[in-house]
């Protein structure tokens, strides 16, 4: 098996599969479901808010929005 990796923006990779230029893609931001594509979630990526130890939100004891 030969594997040729390309690092592209998610939208470009998604379109590359649609256009037949790529056989498969791993994307983080699939634009929308498409009837010609099978989309299989690989993992759910947890997002975290990060700030400096002196950020004003920490003075209230917790981050805003949490």
PDB file of N, CA and C in Angstrom:
ATOM      1  N   UNK A   1       0.841  -1.167   0.000  1.00  0.00           N
ATOM      2  CA  UNK A   1       0.000   0.000   0.000  1.00  0.00           C
ATOM      3  C   UNK A   1       0.893   1.239   0.000  1.00  0.00           C
ATOM      4  N   UNK A   2       0.540   2.210  -0.805  1.00  0.00           N
ATOM      5  CA  UNK A   2       1.245   3.493  -0.870  1.00  0.00           C
ATOM      6  C   UNK A   2       0.336   4.557  -0.284  1.00  0.00           C
ATOM      7  N   UNK A   3       0.862   5.341   0.618  1.00  0.00           N
ATOM      8  CA  UNK A   3       0.096   6.392   1.269  1.00  0.00           C
ATOM      9  C   UNK A   3       0.740   7.734   0.965  1.00  0.00           C
ATOM     10  N   UNK A   4      -0.017   8.635   0.382  1.00  0.00           N
ATOM     11  CA  UNK A   4       0.471   9.968   0.024  1.00  0.00           C
ATOM     12  C   UNK A   4      -0.357  10.976   0.816  1.00  0.00           C
ATOM     13  N   UNK A   5       0.245  11.624   1.802  1.00  0.00           N
ATOM     14  CA  UNK A   5      -0.476  12.552   2.679  1.00  0.00           C
ATOM     15  C   UNK A   5      -0.351  13.989   2.201  1.00  0.00           C
ATOM     16  N   UNK A   6      -1.464  14.715   2.278  1.00  0.00           N
ATOM     17  CA  UNK A   6      -1.498  16.144   1.971  1.00  0.00           C
ATOM     18  C   UNK A   6      -2.141  16.844   3.158  1.00  0.00           C
ATOM     19  N   UNK A   7      -1.613  17.968   3.567  1.00  0.00           N
ATOM     20  CA  UNK A   7      -2.202  18.750   4.640  1.00  0.00           C
ATOM     21  C   UNK A   7      -2.922  19.942   4.017  1.00  0.00           C
ATOM     22  N   UNK A   8      -4.246  19.932   4.107  1.00  0.00           N
ATOM     23  CA  UNK A   8      -5.101  20.941   3.473  1.00  0.00           C
ATOM     24  C   UNK A   8      -6.103  21.480   4.481  1.00  0.00           C
ATOM     25  N   UNK A   9      -6.690  22.621   4.162  1.00  0.00           N
ATOM     26  CA  UNK A   9      -7.825  23.098   4.941  1.00  0.00           C
ATOM     27  C   UNK A   9      -8.958  22.099   4.797  1.00  0.00           C
ATOM     28  N   UNK A  10      -9.793  21.991   5.818  1.00  0.00           N
ATOM     29  CA  UNK A  10     -10.898  21.032   5.795  1.00  0.00           C
ATOM     30  C   UNK A  10     -11.786  21.201   4.566  1.00  0.00           C
ATOM     31  N   UNK A  11     -12.122  22.440   4.242  1.00  0.00           N
ATOM     32  CA  UNK A  11     -13.007  22.700   3.107  1.00  0.00           C
ATOM     33  C   UNK A  11     -12.387  22.221   1.797  1.00  0.00           C
ATOM     34  N   UNK A  12     -11.089  22.440   1.654  1.00  0.00           N
ATOM     35  CA  UNK A  12     -10.381  22.030   0.443  1.00  0.00           C
ATOM     36  C   UNK A  12     -10.310  20.497   0.335  1.00  0.00           C
ATOM     37  N   UNK A  13     -10.066  19.844   1.454  1.00  0.00           N
ATOM     38  CA  UNK A  13     -10.013  18.385   1.460  1.00  0.00           C
ATOM     39  C   UNK A  13     -11.385  17.788   1.160  1.00  0.00           C
ATOM     40  N   UNK A  14     -12.427  18.336   1.762  1.00  0.00           N
ATOM     41  CA  UNK A  14     -13.806  17.898   1.538  1.00  0.00           C
ATOM     42  C   UNK A  14     -14.154  18.006   0.058  1.00  0.00           C
ATOM     43  N   UNK A  15     -13.809  19.149  -0.539  1.00  0.00           N
ATOM     44  CA  UNK A  15     -14.085  19.374  -1.948  1.00  0.00           C
ATOM     45  C   UNK A  15     -13.244  18.446  -2.830  1.00  0.00           C
ATOM     46  N   UNK A  16     -12.017  18.166  -2.408  1.00  0.00           N
ATOM     47  CA  UNK A  16     -11.147  17.266  -3.152  1.00  0.00           C
ATOM     48  C   UNK A  16     -11.730  15.866  -3.261  1.00  0.00           C
ATOM     49  N   UNK A  17     -12.375  15.399  -2.200  1.00  0.00           N
ATOM     50  CA  UNK A  17     -13.030  14.095  -2.246  1.00  0.00           C
ATOM     51  C   UNK A  17     -14.238  14.167  -3.170  1.00  0.00           C
ATOM     52  N   UNK A  18     -15.020  15.221  -3.064  1.00  0.00           N
ATOM     53  CA  UNK A  18     -16.181  15.398  -3.944  1.00  0.00           C
ATOM     54  C   UNK A  18     -15.779  15.432  -5.416  1.00  0.00           C
ATOM     55  N   UNK A  19     -14.669  16.086  -5.715  1.00  0.00           N
ATOM     56  CA  UNK A  19     -14.205  16.230  -7.097  1.00  0.00           C
ATOM     57  C   UNK A  19     -13.462  15.001  -7.612  1.00  0.00           C
ATOM     58  N   UNK A  20     -13.209  14.026  -6.742  1.00  0.00           N
ATOM     59  CA  UNK A  20     -12.489  12.826  -7.146  1.00  0.00           C
ATOM     60  C   UNK A  20     -10.985  12.993  -7.175  1.00  0.00           C
ATOM     61  N   UNK A  21     -10.471  14.117  -6.680  1.00  0.00           N
ATOM     62  CA  UNK A  21      -9.027  14.353  -6.640  1.00  0.00           C
ATOM     63  C   UNK A  21      -8.381  13.623  -5.461  1.00  0.00           C
ATOM     64  N   UNK A  22      -9.152  13.384  -4.398  1.00  0.00           N
ATOM     65  CA  UNK A  22      -8.687  12.672  -3.211  1.00  0.00           C
ATOM     66  C   UNK A  22      -9.595  11.475  -2.977  1.00  0.00           C
ATOM     67  N   UNK A  23      -9.017  10.388  -2.479  1.00  0.00           N
ATOM     68  CA  UNK A  23      -9.821   9.202  -2.195  1.00  0.00           C
ATOM     69  C   UNK A  23     -10.476   9.276  -0.830  1.00  0.00           C
ATOM     70  N   UNK A  24      -9.781   9.879   0.122  1.00  0.00           N
ATOM     71  CA  UNK A  24     -10.261   9.936   1.498  1.00  0.00           C
ATOM     72  C   UNK A  24      -9.670  11.182   2.153  1.00  0.00           C
ATOM     73  N   UNK A  25     -10.354  11.710   3.150  1.00  0.00           N
ATOM     74  CA  UNK A  25      -9.843  12.882   3.870  1.00  0.00           C
ATOM     75  C   UNK A  25     -10.226  12.782   5.339  1.00  0.00           C
ATOM     76  N   UNK A  26      -9.380  13.329   6.175  1.00  0.00           N
ATOM     77  CA  UNK A  26      -9.683  13.499   7.590  1.00  0.00           C
ATOM     78  C   UNK A  26      -9.838  14.998   7.788  1.00  0.00           C
ATOM     79  N   UNK A  27     -11.035  15.433   8.176  1.00  0.00           N
ATOM     80  CA  UNK A  27     -11.311  16.860   8.291  1.00  0.00           C
ATOM     81  C   UNK A  27     -11.800  17.183   9.697  1.00  0.00           C
ATOM     82  N   UNK A  28     -11.581  18.410  10.108  1.00  0.00           N
ATOM     83  CA  UNK A  28     -12.076  18.856  11.414  1.00  0.00           C
ATOM     84  C   UNK A  28     -13.372  19.641  11.272  1.00  0.00           C
ATOM     85  N   UNK A  29     -13.592  20.232  10.114  1.00  0.00           N
ATOM     86  CA  UNK A  29     -14.783  21.052   9.901  1.00  0.00           C
ATOM     87  C   UNK A  29     -15.456  20.652   8.594  1.00  0.00           C
ATOM     88  N   UNK A  30     -16.299  19.636   8.642  1.00  0.00           N
ATOM     89  CA  UNK A  30     -17.042  19.252   7.439  1.00  0.00           C
ATOM     90  C   UNK A  30     -18.104  20.322   7.180  1.00  0.00           C
ATOM     91  N   UNK A  31     -18.111  20.944   5.986  1.00  0.00           N
ATOM     92  CA  UNK A  31     -19.036  22.051   5.707  1.00  0.00           C
ATOM     93  C   UNK A  31     -20.504  21.681   5.883  1.00  0.00           C
ATOM     94  N   UNK A  32     -20.928  20.572   5.295  1.00  0.00           N
ATOM     95  CA  UNK A  32     -22.321  20.127   5.409  1.00  0.00           C
ATOM     96  C   UNK A  32     -22.406  18.709   4.864  1.00  0.00           C
ATOM     97  N   UNK A  33     -23.403  17.950   5.280  1.00  0.00           N
ATOM     98  CA  UNK A  33     -23.544  16.598   4.725  1.00  0.00           C
ATOM     99  C   UNK A  33     -23.771  16.661   3.210  1.00  0.00           C
ATOM    100  N   UNK A  34     -23.254  15.689   2.506  1.00  0.00           N
ATOM    101  CA  UNK A  34     -23.415  15.633   1.057  1.00  0.00           C
ATOM    102  C   UNK A  34     -23.816  14.212   0.680  1.00  0.00           C
ATOM    103  N   UNK A  35     -24.780  14.066  -0.206  1.00  0.00           N
ATOM    104  CA  UNK A  35     -25.308  12.750  -0.587  1.00  0.00           C
ATOM    105  C   UNK A  35     -24.238  11.829  -1.184  1.00  0.00           C
ATOM    106  N   UNK A  36     -23.196  12.388  -1.793  1.00  0.00           N
ATOM    107  CA  UNK A  36     -22.155  11.576  -2.428  1.00  0.00           C
ATOM    108  C   UNK A  36     -21.062  11.129  -1.463  1.00  0.00           C
ATOM    109  N   UNK A  37     -21.107  11.609  -0.222  1.00  0.00           N
ATOM    110  CA  UNK A  37     -20.049  11.300   0.736  1.00  0.00           C
ATOM    111  C   UNK A  37     -20.588  10.566   1.947  1.00  0.00           C
ATOM    112  N   UNK A  38     -19.770   9.674   2.463  1.00  0.00           N
ATOM    113  CA  UNK A  38     -20.054   9.014   3.734  1.00  0.00           C
ATOM    114  C   UNK A  38     -19.169   9.689   4.771  1.00  0.00           C
ATOM    115  N   UNK A  39     -19.765  10.263   5.802  1.00  0.00           N
ATOM    116  CA  UNK A  39     -19.022  10.961   6.854  1.00  0.00           C
ATOM    117  C   UNK A  39     -19.096  10.113   8.118  1.00  0.00           C
ATOM    118  N   UNK A  40     -17.930   9.752   8.644  1.00  0.00           N
ATOM    119  CA  UNK A  40     -17.848   8.913   9.833  1.00  0.00           C
ATOM    120  C   UNK A  40     -17.055   9.661  10.904  1.00  0.00           C
ATOM    121  N   UNK A  41     -17.708  10.030  12.015  1.00  0.00           N
ATOM    122  CA  UNK A  41     -16.969  10.705  13.096  1.00  0.00           C
ATOM    123  C   UNK A  41     -15.885   9.777  13.651  1.00  0.00           C
ATOM    124  N   UNK A  42     -14.692  10.319  13.850  1.00  0.00           N
ATOM    125  CA  UNK A  42     -13.582   9.537  14.386  1.00  0.00           C
ATOM    126  C   UNK A  42     -13.470   9.762  15.887  1.00  0.00           C
ATOM    127  N   UNK A  43     -13.576  11.008  16.324  1.00  0.00           N
ATOM    128  CA  UNK A  43     -13.582  11.337  17.742  1.00  0.00           C
ATOM    129  C   UNK A  43     -14.277  12.670  17.940  1.00  0.00           C
ATOM    130  N   UNK A  44     -14.711  12.902  19.155  1.00  0.00           N
ATOM    131  CA  UNK A  44     -15.310  14.185  19.526  1.00  0.00           C
ATOM    132  C   UNK A  44     -14.206  14.996  20.196  1.00  0.00           C
ATOM    133  N   UNK A  45     -13.885  16.132  19.628  1.00  0.00           N
ATOM    134  CA  UNK A  45     -12.803  16.971  20.139  1.00  0.00           C
ATOM    135  C   UNK A  45     -13.350  17.935  21.178  1.00  0.00           C
ATOM    136  N   UNK A  46     -12.877  17.821  22.393  1.00  0.00           N
ATOM    137  CA  UNK A  46     -13.305  18.701  23.465  1.00  0.00           C
ATOM    138  C   UNK A  46     -12.566  20.030  23.344  1.00  0.00           C
ATOM    139  N   UNK A  47     -13.302  21.129  23.397  1.00  0.00           N
ATOM    140  CA  UNK A  47     -12.700  22.458  23.341  1.00  0.00           C
ATOM    141  C   UNK A  47     -12.544  22.999  24.757  1.00  0.00           C
ATOM    142  N   UNK A  48     -11.463  23.673  24.997  1.00  0.00           N
ATOM    143  CA  UNK A  48     -11.194  24.256  26.316  1.00  0.00           C
ATOM    144  C   UNK A  48     -10.862  25.736  26.165  1.00  0.00           C
ATOM    145  N   UNK A  49     -11.270  26.525  27.117  1.00  0.00           N
ATOM    146  CA  UNK A  49     -10.923  27.934  27.185  1.00  0.00           C
ATOM    147  C   UNK A  49      -9.641  28.043  27.980  1.00  0.00           C
ATOM    148  N   UNK A  50      -8.668  28.768  27.450  1.00  0.00           N
ATOM    149  CA  UNK A  50      -7.380  28.921  28.107  1.00  0.00           C
ATOM    150  C   UNK A  50      -7.098  30.399  28.277  1.00  0.00           C
ATOM    151  N   UNK A  51      -6.647  30.783  29.468  1.00  0.00           N
ATOM    152  CA  UNK A  51      -6.284  32.187  29.704  1.00  0.00           C
ATOM    153  C   UNK A  51      -5.129  32.246  30.683  1.00  0.00           C
ATOM    154  N   UNK A  52      -4.535  33.415  30.755  1.00  0.00           N
ATOM    155  CA  UNK A  52      -3.445  33.636  31.694  1.00  0.00           C
ATOM    156  C   UNK A  52      -3.948  33.662  33.125  1.00  0.00           C
ATOM    157  N   UNK A  53      -3.038  33.379  34.065  1.00  0.00           N
ATOM    158  CA  UNK A  53      -3.434  33.322  35.475  1.00  0.00           C
ATOM    159  C   UNK A  53      -3.921  34.657  36.015  1.00  0.00           C
ATOM    160  N   UNK A  54      -3.656  35.756  35.320  1.00  0.00           N
ATOM    161  CA  UNK A  54      -4.091  37.073  35.781  1.00  0.00           C
ATOM    162  C   UNK A  54      -5.305  37.594  35.010  1.00  0.00           C
ATOM    163  N   UNK A  55      -5.997  36.739  34.265  1.00  0.00           N
ATOM    164  CA  UNK A  55      -7.173  37.154  33.492  1.00  0.00           C
ATOM    165  C   UNK A  55      -8.294  37.585  34.445  1.00  0.00           C
ATOM    166  N   UNK A  56      -9.023  38.679  34.148  1.00  0.00           N
ATOM    167  CA  UNK A  56     -10.077  39.189  35.038  1.00  0.00           C
ATOM    168  C   UNK A  56     -11.159  38.159  35.368  1.00  0.00           C
ATOM    169  N   UNK A  57     -11.447  37.238  34.481  1.00  0.00           N
ATOM    170  CA  UNK A  57     -12.476  36.239  34.766  1.00  0.00           C
ATOM    171  C   UNK A  57     -12.119  35.363  35.958  1.00  0.00           C
ATOM    172  N   UNK A  58     -10.839  35.148  36.171  1.00  0.00           N
ATOM    173  CA  UNK A  58     -10.412  34.295  37.280  1.00  0.00           C
ATOM    174  C   UNK A  58     -10.620  34.973  38.624  1.00  0.00           C
ATOM    175  N   UNK A  59     -10.674  36.284  38.647  1.00  0.00           N
ATOM    176  CA  UNK A  59     -10.878  37.019  39.901  1.00  0.00           C
ATOM    177  C   UNK A  59     -12.265  36.705  40.476  1.00  0.00           C
ATOM    178  N   UNK A  60     -13.213  36.327  39.618  1.00  0.00           N
ATOM    179  CA  UNK A  60     -14.567  35.990  40.070  1.00  0.00           C
ATOM    180  C   UNK A  60     -14.665  34.542  40.519  1.00  0.00           C
ATOM    181  N   UNK A  61     -13.569  33.796  40.452  1.00  0.00           N
ATOM    182  CA  UNK A  61     -13.565  32.437  40.912  1.00  0.00           C
ATOM    183  C   UNK A  61     -13.844  31.396  39.839  1.00  0.00           C
ATOM    184  N   UNK A  62     -14.300  31.832  38.667  1.00  0.00           N
ATOM    185  CA  UNK A  62     -14.519  30.909  37.561  1.00  0.00           C
ATOM    186  C   UNK A  62     -14.494  31.675  36.255  1.00  0.00           C
ATOM    187  N   UNK A  63     -14.285  30.984  35.179  1.00  0.00           N
ATOM    188  CA  UNK A  63     -14.228  31.622  33.865  1.00  0.00           C
ATOM    189  C   UNK A  63     -15.624  31.985  33.404  1.00  0.00           C
ATOM    190  N   UNK A  64     -15.752  33.110  32.707  1.00  0.00           N
ATOM    191  CA  UNK A  64     -17.034  33.515  32.135  1.00  0.00           C
ATOM    192  C   UNK A  64     -17.503  32.457  31.151  1.00  0.00           C
ATOM    193  N   UNK A  65     -18.779  32.102  31.216  1.00  0.00           N
ATOM    194  CA  UNK A  65     -19.338  31.126  30.298  1.00  0.00           C
ATOM    195  C   UNK A  65     -19.243  29.693  30.798  1.00  0.00           C
ATOM    196  N   UNK A  66     -18.665  29.466  31.971  1.00  0.00           N
ATOM    197  CA  UNK A  66     -18.587  28.091  32.486  1.00  0.00           C
ATOM    198  C   UNK A  66     -19.533  27.913  33.628  1.00  0.00           C
TER     199      UNK A  66
END
